[in-house]
Amino acid sequence: QQNPDINSAQLLEYFRDTEQGTQLNKLMCWQHHVEADAAEDVFL
């Protein structure tokens, strides 16, 4: 919300070398099979 144009790489960089960062990196690599055009609906 604070950074409307933020991208994935920037978002992850905020958590470098933290326990949350380790969890986020795993989720970033997760194959959840949700297509990009359905991402918003599945998120909601």
All heavy atoms as atom14 arrays in JSON, in Angstrom:
{
  "sequence": "QQNPDINSAQLLEYFRDTEQGTQLNKLMCWQHHVEADAAEDVFL",
  "atom14_mask": [
    [1, 1, 1, 1, 1, 1, 1, 1, 1, 0, 0, 0, 0, 0],
    [1, 1, 1, 1, 1, 1, 1, 1, 1, 0, 0, 0, 0, 0],
    [1, 1, 1, 1, 1, 1, 1, 1, 0, 0, 0, 0, 0, 0],
    [1, 1, 1, 1, 1, 1, 1, 0, 0, 0, 0, 0, 0, 0],
    [1, 1, 1, 1, 1, 1, 1, 1, 0, 0, 0, 0, 0, 0],
    [1, 1, 1, 1, 1, 1, 1, 1, 0, 0, 0, 0, 0, 0],
    [1, 1, 1, 1, 1, 1, 1, 1, 0, 0, 0, 0, 0, 0],
    [1, 1, 1, 1, 1, 1, 0, 0, 0, 0, 0, 0, 0, 0],
    [1, 1, 1, 1, 1, 0, 0, 0, 0, 0, 0, 0, 0, 0],
    [1, 1, 1, 1, 1, 1, 1, 1, 1, 0, 0, 0, 0, 0],
    [1, 1, 1, 1, 1, 1, 1, 1, 0, 0, 0, 0, 0, 0],
    [1, 1, 1, 1, 1, 1, 1, 1, 0, 0, 0, 0, 0, 0],
    [1, 1, 1, 1, 1, 1, 1, 1, 1, 0, 0, 0, 0, 0],
    [1, 1, 1, 1, 1, 1, 1, 1, 1, 1, 1, 1, 0, 0],
    [1, 1, 1, 1, 1, 1, 1, 1, 1, 1, 1, 0, 0, 0],
    [1, 1, 1, 1, 1, 1, 1, 1, 1, 1, 1, 0, 0, 0],
    [1, 1, 1, 1, 1, 1, 1, 1, 0, 0, 0, 0, 0, 0],
    [1, 1, 1, 1, 1, 1, 1, 0, 0, 0, 0, 0, 0, 0],
    [1, 1, 1, 1, 1, 1, 1, 1, 1, 0, 0, 0, 0, 0],
    [1, 1, 1, 1, 1, 1, 1, 1, 1, 0, 0, 0, 0, 0],
    [1, 1, 1, 1, 0, 0, 0, 0, 0, 0, 0, 0, 0, 0],
    [1, 1, 1, 1, 1, 1, 1, 0, 0, 0, 0, 0, 0, 0],
    [1, 1, 1, 1, 1, 1, 1, 1, 1, 0, 0, 0, 0, 0],
    [1, 1, 1, 1, 1, 1, 1, 1, 0, 0, 0, 0, 0, 0],
    [1, 1, 1, 1, 1, 1, 1, 1, 0, 0, 0, 0, 0, 0],
    [1, 1, 1, 1, 1, 1, 1, 1, 1, 0, 0, 0, 0, 0],
    [1, 1, 1, 1, 1, 1, 1, 1, 0, 0, 0, 0, 0, 0],
    [1, 1, 1, 1, 1, 1, 1, 1, 0, 0, 0, 0, 0, 0],
    [1, 1, 1, 1, 1, 1, 0, 0, 0, 0, 0, 0, 0, 0],
    [1, 1, 1, 1, 1, 1, 1, 1, 1, 1, 1, 1, 1, 1],
    [1, 1, 1, 1, 1, 1, 1, 1, 1, 0, 0, 0, 0, 0],
    [1, 1, 1, 1, 1, 1, 1, 1, 1, 1, 0, 0, 0, 0],
    [1, 1, 1, 1, 1, 1, 1, 1, 1, 1, 0, 0, 0, 0],
    [1, 1, 1, 1, 1, 1, 1, 0, 0, 0, 0, 0, 0, 0],
    [1, 1, 1, 1, 1, 1, 1, 1, 1, 0, 0, 0, 0, 0],
    [1, 1, 1, 1, 1, 0, 0, 0, 0, 0, 0, 0, 0, 0],
    [1, 1, 1, 1, 1, 1, 1, 1, 0, 0, 0, 0, 0, 0],
    [1, 1, 1, 1, 1, 0, 0, 0, 0, 0, 0, 0, 0, 0],
    [1, 1, 1, 1, 1, 0, 0, 0, 0, 0, 0, 0, 0, 0],
    [1, 1, 1, 1, 1, 1, 1, 1, 1, 0, 0, 0, 0, 0],
    [1, 1, 1, 1, 1, 1, 1, 1, 0, 0, 0, 0, 0, 0],
    [1, 1, 1, 1, 1, 1, 1, 0, 0, 0, 0, 0, 0, 0],
    [1, 1, 1, 1, 1, 1, 1, 1, 1, 1, 1, 0, 0, 0],
    [1, 1, 1, 1, 1, 1, 1, 1, 0, 0, 0, 0, 0, 0]
  ],
  "atom14_positions": [
    [[0.83, -1.21, 0.0], [0.0, 0.0, 0.0], [0.87, 1.27, 0.0], [0.55, 2.24, -0.67], [-0.91, 0.0, 1.23], [-2.07, -0.98, 1.13], [-2.97, -0.89, 2.35], [-2.5, -0.84, 3.48], [-4.28, -0.88, 2.12], [0.0, 0.0, 0.0], [0.0, 0.0, 0.0], [0.0, 0.0, 0.0], [0.0, 0.0, 0.0], [0.0, 0.0, 0.0]],
    [[1.96, 1.22, 0.76], [2.84, 2.38, 0.85], [3.65, 2.59, -0.42], [4.07, 3.71, -0.73], [3.8, 2.23, 2.04], [3.11, 2.26, 3.39], [4.0, 1.73, 4.51], [5.21, 1.57, 4.33], [3.4, 1.46, 5.66], [0.0, 0.0, 0.0], [0.0, 0.0, 0.0], [0.0, 0.0, 0.0], [0.0, 0.0, 0.0], [0.0, 0.0, 0.0]],
    [[3.88, 1.49, -1.18], [4.67, 1.56, -2.41], [3.87, 0.95, -3.55], [4.08, -0.22, -3.91], [5.99, 0.81, -2.25], [6.79, 1.27, -1.04], [7.51, 2.24, -1.08], [6.65, 0.53, 0.07], [0.0, 0.0, 0.0], [0.0, 0.0, 0.0], [0.0, 0.0, 0.0], [0.0, 0.0, 0.0], [0.0, 0.0, 0.0], [0.0, 0.0, 0.0]],
    [[2.95, 1.7, -4.14], [2.03, 1.13, -5.14], [2.71, 0.5, -6.35], [2.14, -0.4, -6.97], [1.2, 2.36, -5.58], [1.33, 3.32, -4.45], [2.69, 3.12, -3.86], [0.0, 0.0, 0.0], [0.0, 0.0, 0.0], [0.0, 0.0, 0.0], [0.0, 0.0, 0.0], [0.0, 0.0, 0.0], [0.0, 0.0, 0.0], [0.0, 0.0, 0.0]],
    [[3.93, 0.95, -6.68], [4.62, 0.4, -7.86], [5.65, -0.65, -7.51], [6.48, -1.03, -8.35], [5.3, 1.54, -8.64], [4.3, 2.55, -9.18], [3.21, 2.11, -9.6], [4.6, 3.75, -9.17], [0.0, 0.0, 0.0], [0.0, 0.0, 0.0], [0.0, 0.0, 0.0], [0.0, 0.0, 0.0], [0.0, 0.0, 0.0], [0.0, 0.0, 0.0]],
    [[5.64, -1.15, -6.28], [6.65, -2.1, -5.84], [6.54, -3.39, -6.64], [5.44, -3.82, -7.02], [6.49, -2.39, -4.32], [7.77, -2.99, -3.74], [5.3, -3.29, -4.03], [7.8, -3.03, -2.22], [0.0, 0.0, 0.0], [0.0, 0.0, 0.0], [0.0, 0.0, 0.0], [0.0, 0.0, 0.0], [0.0, 0.0, 0.0], [0.0, 0.0, 0.0]],
    [[7.71, -4.03, -6.94], [7.67, -5.33, -7.63], [8.14, -6.43, -6.68], [8.54, -6.17, -5.53], [8.52, -5.31, -8.91], [10.0, -5.06, -8.67], [10.55, -5.45, -7.63], [10.66, -4.42, -9.62], [0.0, 0.0, 0.0], [0.0, 0.0, 0.0], [0.0, 0.0, 0.0], [0.0, 0.0, 0.0], [0.0, 0.0, 0.0], [0.0, 0.0, 0.0]],
    [[8.11, -7.66, -7.14], [8.41, -8.81, -6.29], [9.82, -8.74, -5.72], [10.04, -9.02, -4.53], [8.24, -10.11, -7.08], [6.93, -10.21, -7.61], [0.0, 0.0, 0.0], [0.0, 0.0, 0.0], [0.0, 0.0, 0.0], [0.0, 0.0, 0.0], [0.0, 0.0, 0.0], [0.0, 0.0, 0.0], [0.0, 0.0, 0.0], [0.0, 0.0, 0.0]],
    [[10.79, -8.39, -6.57], [12.19, -8.35, -6.13], [12.38, -7.32, -5.03], [13.1, -7.55, -4.05], [13.09, -8.02, -7.32], [0.0, 0.0, 0.0], [0.0, 0.0, 0.0], [0.0, 0.0, 0.0], [0.0, 0.0, 0.0], [0.0, 0.0, 0.0], [0.0, 0.0, 0.0], [0.0, 0.0, 0.0], [0.0, 0.0, 0.0], [0.0, 0.0, 0.0]],
    [[11.74, -6.15, -5.19], [11.85, -5.1, -4.17], [11.2, -5.55, -2.86], [11.73, -5.31, -1.78], [11.18, -3.82, -4.67], [11.88, -3.17, -5.86], [11.0, -2.1, -6.5], [9.8, -2.29, -6.65], [11.6, -0.99, -6.89], [0.0, 0.0, 0.0], [0.0, 0.0, 0.0], [0.0, 0.0, 0.0], [0.0, 0.0, 0.0], [0.0, 0.0, 0.0]],
    [[10.05, -6.19, -2.98], [9.32, -6.64, -1.8], [10.16, -7.62, -0.98], [10.27, -7.51, 0.25], [8.01, -7.3, -2.25], [6.86, -7.42, -1.24], [6.57, -6.1, -0.55], [5.62, -7.95, -1.94], [0.0, 0.0, 0.0], [0.0, 0.0, 0.0], [0.0, 0.0, 0.0], [0.0, 0.0, 0.0], [0.0, 0.0, 0.0], [0.0, 0.0, 0.0]],
    [[10.78, -8.58, -1.65], [11.61, -9.58, -0.97], [12.84, -8.95, -0.33], [13.3, -9.4, 0.72], [12.04, -10.67, -1.95], [10.99, -11.73, -2.28], [11.47, -12.61, -3.41], [10.7, -12.59, -1.06], [0.0, 0.0, 0.0], [0.0, 0.0, 0.0], [0.0, 0.0, 0.0], [0.0, 0.0, 0.0], [0.0, 0.0, 0.0], [0.0, 0.0, 0.0]],
    [[13.38, -7.92, -0.99], [14.61, -7.29, -0.49], [14.4, -6.68, 0.89], [15.35, -6.6, 1.68], [15.1, -6.24, -1.49], [16.5, -5.72, -1.21], [17.54, -6.82, -1.21], [17.49, -7.72, -2.06], [18.41, -6.78, -0.31], [0.0, 0.0, 0.0], [0.0, 0.0, 0.0], [0.0, 0.0, 0.0], [0.0, 0.0, 0.0], [0.0, 0.0, 0.0]],
    [[13.16, -6.27, 1.21], [12.87, -5.7, 2.53], [13.11, -6.72, 3.65], [13.28, -6.36, 4.81], [11.42, -5.22, 2.6], [11.21, -3.82, 2.09], [11.13, -3.56, 0.72], [11.11, -2.74, 2.96], [10.94, -2.27, 0.23], [10.92, -1.45, 2.5], [10.84, -1.22, 1.13], [10.66, 0.06, 0.66], [0.0, 0.0, 0.0], [0.0, 0.0, 0.0]],
    [[13.09, -8.0, 3.3], [13.19, -9.05, 4.32], [14.48, -9.85, 4.23], [14.57, -10.94, 4.78], [11.98, -9.99, 4.19], [10.66, -9.32, 4.42], [9.98, -8.72, 3.37], [10.1, -9.28, 5.68], [8.76, -8.09, 3.58], [8.88, -8.66, 5.91], [8.21, -8.05, 4.85], [0.0, 0.0, 0.0], [0.0, 0.0, 0.0], [0.0, 0.0, 0.0]],
    [[15.5, -9.33, 3.53], [16.78, -10.04, 3.39], [17.37, -10.34, 4.78], [17.36, -9.52, 5.68], [17.77, -9.21, 2.57], [19.13, -9.89, 2.41], [20.08, -9.08, 1.55], [19.66, -9.05, 0.15], [19.93, -10.02, -0.72], [20.59, -11.1, -0.33], [19.52, -9.9, -1.97], [0.0, 0.0, 0.0], [0.0, 0.0, 0.0], [0.0, 0.0, 0.0]],
    [[17.9, -11.55, 4.91], [18.58, -11.99, 6.14], [17.68, -11.98, 7.37], [18.13, -11.76, 8.49], [19.83, -11.13, 6.41], [20.87, -11.25, 5.32], [20.92, -12.31, 4.68], [21.61, -10.28, 5.1], [0.0, 0.0, 0.0], [0.0, 0.0, 0.0], [0.0, 0.0, 0.0], [0.0, 0.0, 0.0], [0.0, 0.0, 0.0], [0.0, 0.0, 0.0]],
    [[16.38, -12.21, 7.17], [15.47, -12.34, 8.3], [14.77, -13.7, 8.22], [14.75, -14.35, 7.16], [14.39, -11.24, 8.29], [13.55, -11.43, 7.13], [15.0, -9.86, 8.26], [0.0, 0.0, 0.0], [0.0, 0.0, 0.0], [0.0, 0.0, 0.0], [0.0, 0.0, 0.0], [0.0, 0.0, 0.0], [0.0, 0.0, 0.0], [0.0, 0.0, 0.0]],
    [[14.18, -14.12, 9.34], [13.44, -15.39, 9.35], [12.25, -15.32, 8.4], [11.94, -16.28, 7.68], [12.97, -15.69, 10.78], [12.36, -17.08, 10.93], [11.95, -17.37, 12.37], [12.49, -16.7, 13.28], [11.09, -18.24, 12.57], [0.0, 0.0, 0.0], [0.0, 0.0, 0.0], [0.0, 0.0, 0.0], [0.0, 0.0, 0.0], [0.0, 0.0, 0.0]],
    [[11.58, -14.14, 8.4], [10.44, -13.97, 7.47], [10.9, -14.06, 6.02], [10.2, -14.6, 5.16], [9.75, -12.63, 7.7], [9.18, -12.45, 9.09], [10.1, -11.61, 9.96], [11.31, -11.84, 9.98], [9.53, -10.65, 10.67], [0.0, 0.0, 0.0], [0.0, 0.0, 0.0], [0.0, 0.0, 0.0], [0.0, 0.0, 0.0], [0.0, 0.0, 0.0]],
    [[12.11, -13.54, 5.75], [12.65, -13.58, 4.39], [12.83, -15.01, 3.9], [12.56, -15.32, 2.73], [0.0, 0.0, 0.0], [0.0, 0.0, 0.0], [0.0, 0.0, 0.0], [0.0, 0.0, 0.0], [0.0, 0.0, 0.0], [0.0, 0.0, 0.0], [0.0, 0.0, 0.0], [0.0, 0.0, 0.0], [0.0, 0.0, 0.0], [0.0, 0.0, 0.0]],
    [[13.28, -15.89, 4.79], [13.44, -17.31, 4.42], [12.09, -17.91, 4.05], [11.98, -18.65, 3.06], [14.06, -18.08, 5.61], [15.3, -17.48, 5.97], [14.3, -19.55, 5.24], [0.0, 0.0, 0.0], [0.0, 0.0, 0.0], [0.0, 0.0, 0.0], [0.0, 0.0, 0.0], [0.0, 0.0, 0.0], [0.0, 0.0, 0.0], [0.0, 0.0, 0.0]],
    [[11.06, -17.6, 4.84], [9.72, -18.12, 4.56], [9.18, -17.57, 3.23], [8.6, -18.31, 2.42], [8.77, -17.75, 5.69], [9.15, -18.35, 7.04], [8.37, -17.73, 8.19], [7.57, -16.84, 7.99], [8.62, -18.21, 9.4], [0.0, 0.0, 0.0], [0.0, 0.0, 0.0], [0.0, 0.0, 0.0], [0.0, 0.0, 0.0], [0.0, 0.0, 0.0]],
    [[9.41, -16.28, 3.01], [8.9, -15.63, 1.79], [9.58, -16.18, 0.55], [8.95, -16.36, -0.5], [9.08, -14.12, 1.88], [8.23, -13.4, 2.93], [8.58, -11.92, 3.0], [6.74, -13.57, 2.63], [0.0, 0.0, 0.0], [0.0, 0.0, 0.0], [0.0, 0.0, 0.0], [0.0, 0.0, 0.0], [0.0, 0.0, 0.0], [0.0, 0.0, 0.0]],
    [[10.88, -16.45, 0.64], [11.59, -17.01, -0.51], [11.04, -18.38, -0.89], [10.93, -18.72, -2.07], [13.09, -17.11, -0.21], [13.82, -15.81, -0.49], [13.8, -15.3, -1.6], [14.45, -15.25, 0.53], [0.0, 0.0, 0.0], [0.0, 0.0, 0.0], [0.0, 0.0, 0.0], [0.0, 0.0, 0.0], [0.0, 0.0, 0.0], [0.0, 0.0, 0.0]],
    [[10.7, -19.18, 0.12], [10.11, -20.5, -0.16], [8.77, -20.35, -0.87], [8.47, -21.07, -1.82], [9.93, -21.28, 1.14], [11.22, -21.78, 1.75], [10.95, -22.54, 3.05], [12.24, -23.02, 3.68], [12.01, -23.69, 4.98], [0.0, 0.0, 0.0], [0.0, 0.0, 0.0], [0.0, 0.0, 0.0], [0.0, 0.0, 0.0], [0.0, 0.0, 0.0]],
    [[7.96, -19.38, -0.38], [6.65, -19.16, -0.99], [6.78, -18.57, -2.4], [5.95, -18.84, -3.27], [5.8, -18.26, -0.1], [5.33, -18.9, 1.21], [4.62, -17.87, 2.09], [4.4, -20.08, 0.92], [0.0, 0.0, 0.0], [0.0, 0.0, 0.0], [0.0, 0.0, 0.0], [0.0, 0.0, 0.0], [0.0, 0.0, 0.0], [0.0, 0.0, 0.0]],
    [[7.83, -17.79, -2.62], [8.06, -17.22, -3.95], [8.36, -18.32, -4.98], [8.06, -18.19, -6.16], [9.23, -16.22, -3.88], [9.42, -15.42, -5.13], [8.06, -14.28, -5.4], [8.74, -13.3, -6.73], [0.0, 0.0, 0.0], [0.0, 0.0, 0.0], [0.0, 0.0, 0.0], [0.0, 0.0, 0.0], [0.0, 0.0, 0.0], [0.0, 0.0, 0.0]],
    [[8.96, -19.4, -4.49], [9.32, -20.51, -5.39], [8.22, -21.58, -5.46], [8.37, -22.58, -6.16], [10.61, -21.16, -4.91], [12.01, -20.04, -4.75], [0.0, 0.0, 0.0], [0.0, 0.0, 0.0], [0.0, 0.0, 0.0], [0.0, 0.0, 0.0], [0.0, 0.0, 0.0], [0.0, 0.0, 0.0], [0.0, 0.0, 0.0], [0.0, 0.0, 0.0]],
    [[7.15, -21.36, -4.74], [6.07, -22.35, -4.64], [5.3, -22.44, -5.95], [4.87, -21.44, -6.51], [5.17, -21.92, -3.49], [4.01, -22.84, -3.19], [3.91, -24.16, -3.49], [2.81, -22.48, -2.5], [2.72, -24.65, -3.04], [2.02, -23.65, -2.42], [2.34, -21.3, -1.94], [0.78, -23.66, -1.8], [1.1, -21.31, -1.32], [0.33, -22.48, -1.25]],
    [[5.1, -23.67, -6.42], [4.3, -23.89, -7.63], [2.83, -24.11, -7.22], [2.4, -25.24, -7.01], [4.84, -25.1, -8.39], [6.21, -24.87, -9.0], [6.73, -26.12, -9.72], [7.21, -27.05, -9.11], [6.6, -26.12, -11.02], [0.0, 0.0, 0.0], [0.0, 0.0, 0.0], [0.0, 0.0, 0.0], [0.0, 0.0, 0.0], [0.0, 0.0, 0.0]],
    [[2.09, -23.02, -7.13], [0.7, -23.13, -6.68], [-0.28, -23.22, -7.85], [-1.48, -23.41, -7.65], [0.33, -21.92, -5.8], [0.74, -20.61, -6.4], [0.26, -20.15, -7.59], [1.62, -19.67, -5.96], [0.8, -18.97, -7.87], [1.63, -18.65, -6.9], [0.0, 0.0, 0.0], [0.0, 0.0, 0.0], [0.0, 0.0, 0.0], [0.0, 0.0, 0.0]],
    [[0.21, -23.07, -9.06], [-0.58, -23.26, -10.29], [-1.76, -22.29, -10.42], [-2.78, -22.63, -11.03], [-1.09, -24.7, -10.38], [0.0, -25.72, -10.29], [1.0, -25.83, -11.25], [0.28, -26.65, -9.34], [1.83, -26.81, -10.9], [1.42, -27.32, -9.75], [0.0, 0.0, 0.0], [0.0, 0.0, 0.0], [0.0, 0.0, 0.0], [0.0, 0.0, 0.0]],
    [[-1.65, -21.11, -9.84], [-2.67, -20.08, -10.03], [-2.22, -19.16, -11.16], [-1.15, -18.54, -11.06], [-2.89, -19.25, -8.73], [-3.91, -18.13, -8.99], [-3.36, -20.15, -7.6], [0.0, 0.0, 0.0], [0.0, 0.0, 0.0], [0.0, 0.0, 0.0], [0.0, 0.0, 0.0], [0.0, 0.0, 0.0], [0.0, 0.0, 0.0], [0.0, 0.0, 0.0]],
    [[-2.97, -19.09, -12.23], [-2.6, -18.25, -13.36], [-2.68, -16.77, -12.99], [-3.46, -16.38, -12.12], [-3.52, -18.53, -14.56], [-3.43, -19.96, -15.1], [-2.06, -20.28, -15.68], [-1.39, -19.34, -16.15], [-1.66, -21.46, -15.64], [0.0, 0.0, 0.0], [0.0, 0.0, 0.0], [0.0, 0.0, 0.0], [0.0, 0.0, 0.0], [0.0, 0.0, 0.0]],
    [[-1.9, -15.95, -13.69], [-1.81, -14.52, -13.37], [-3.17, -13.83, -13.45], [-3.5, -13.0, -12.61], [-0.8, -13.85, -14.3], [0.0, 0.0, 0.0], [0.0, 0.0, 0.0], [0.0, 0.0, 0.0], [0.0, 0.0, 0.0], [0.0, 0.0, 0.0], [0.0, 0.0, 0.0], [0.0, 0.0, 0.0], [0.0, 0.0, 0.0], [0.0, 0.0, 0.0]],
    [[-3.95, -14.19, -14.47], [-5.23, -13.48, -14.63], [-6.27, -13.89, -13.57], [-7.3, -13.24, -13.41], [-5.8, -13.7, -16.03], [-5.94, -15.17, -16.4], [-5.64, -16.02, -15.54], [-6.34, -15.47, -17.53], [0.0, 0.0, 0.0], [0.0, 0.0, 0.0], [0.0, 0.0, 0.0], [0.0, 0.0, 0.0], [0.0, 0.0, 0.0], [0.0, 0.0, 0.0]],
    [[-5.99, -14.98, -12.84], [-6.9, -15.41, -11.77], [-6.36, -15.05, -10.39], [-7.01, -15.31, -9.37], [-7.13, -16.92, -11.85], [0.0, 0.0, 0.0], [0.0, 0.0, 0.0], [0.0, 0.0, 0.0], [0.0, 0.0, 0.0], [0.0, 0.0, 0.0], [0.0, 0.0, 0.0], [0.0, 0.0, 0.0], [0.0, 0.0, 0.0], [0.0, 0.0, 0.0]],
    [[-5.18, -14.43, -10.34], [-4.51, -14.18, -9.06], [-5.35, -13.34, -8.11], [-5.47, -13.64, -6.92], [-3.15, -13.51, -9.3], [0.0, 0.0, 0.0], [0.0, 0.0, 0.0], [0.0, 0.0, 0.0], [0.0, 0.0, 0.0], [0.0, 0.0, 0.0], [0.0, 0.0, 0.0], [0.0, 0.0, 0.0], [0.0, 0.0, 0.0], [0.0, 0.0, 0.0]],
    [[-5.96, -12.28, -8.64], [-6.72, -11.37, -7.77], [-7.92, -12.09, -7.16], [-8.19, -11.97, -5.96], [-7.16, -10.14, -8.56], [-7.87, -9.1, -7.7], [-8.21, -7.83, -8.49], [-7.27, -7.25, -9.07], [-9.4, -7.46, -8.52], [0.0, 0.0, 0.0], [0.0, 0.0, 0.0], [0.0, 0.0, 0.0], [0.0, 0.0, 0.0], [0.0, 0.0, 0.0]],
    [[-8.64, -12.85, -7.98], [-9.83, -13.55, -7.48], [-9.46, -14.59, -6.42], [-10.13, -14.7, -5.39], [-10.57, -14.23, -8.64], [-11.24, -13.23, -9.57], [-11.47, -12.09, -9.11], [-11.5, -13.58, -10.73], [0.0, 0.0, 0.0], [0.0, 0.0, 0.0], [0.0, 0.0, 0.0], [0.0, 0.0, 0.0], [0.0, 0.0, 0.0], [0.0, 0.0, 0.0]],
    [[-8.39, -15.33, -6.68], [-7.97, -16.36, -5.72], [-7.47, -15.72, -4.44], [-7.69, -16.23, -3.34], [-6.88, -17.26, -6.34], [-6.37, -18.29, -5.33], [-7.42, -17.99, -7.58], [0.0, 0.0, 0.0], [0.0, 0.0, 0.0], [0.0, 0.0, 0.0], [0.0, 0.0, 0.0], [0.0, 0.0, 0.0], [0.0, 0.0, 0.0], [0.0, 0.0, 0.0]],
    [[-6.77, -14.57, -4.58], [-6.28, -13.83, -3.41], [-7.46, -13.4, -2.53], [-7.47, -13.63, -1.31], [-5.48, -12.62, -3.88], [-5.06, -11.68, -2.78], [-4.08, -12.06, -1.86], [-5.62, -10.42, -2.66], [-3.68, -11.2, -0.84], [-5.23, -9.55, -1.64], [-4.26, -9.95, -0.74], [0.0, 0.0, 0.0], [0.0, 0.0, 0.0], [0.0, 0.0, 0.0]],
    [[-8.48, -12.8, -3.14], [-9.66, -12.35, -2.38], [-10.41, -13.53, -1.78], [-10.94, -13.45, -0.67], [-10.58, -11.54, -3.3], [-10.04, -10.17, -3.73], [-10.99, -9.5, -4.72], [-9.82, -9.26, -2.52], [0.0, 0.0, 0.0], [0.0, 0.0, 0.0], [0.0, 0.0, 0.0], [0.0, 0.0, 0.0], [0.0, 0.0, 0.0], [0.0, 0.0, 0.0]]
  ]
}
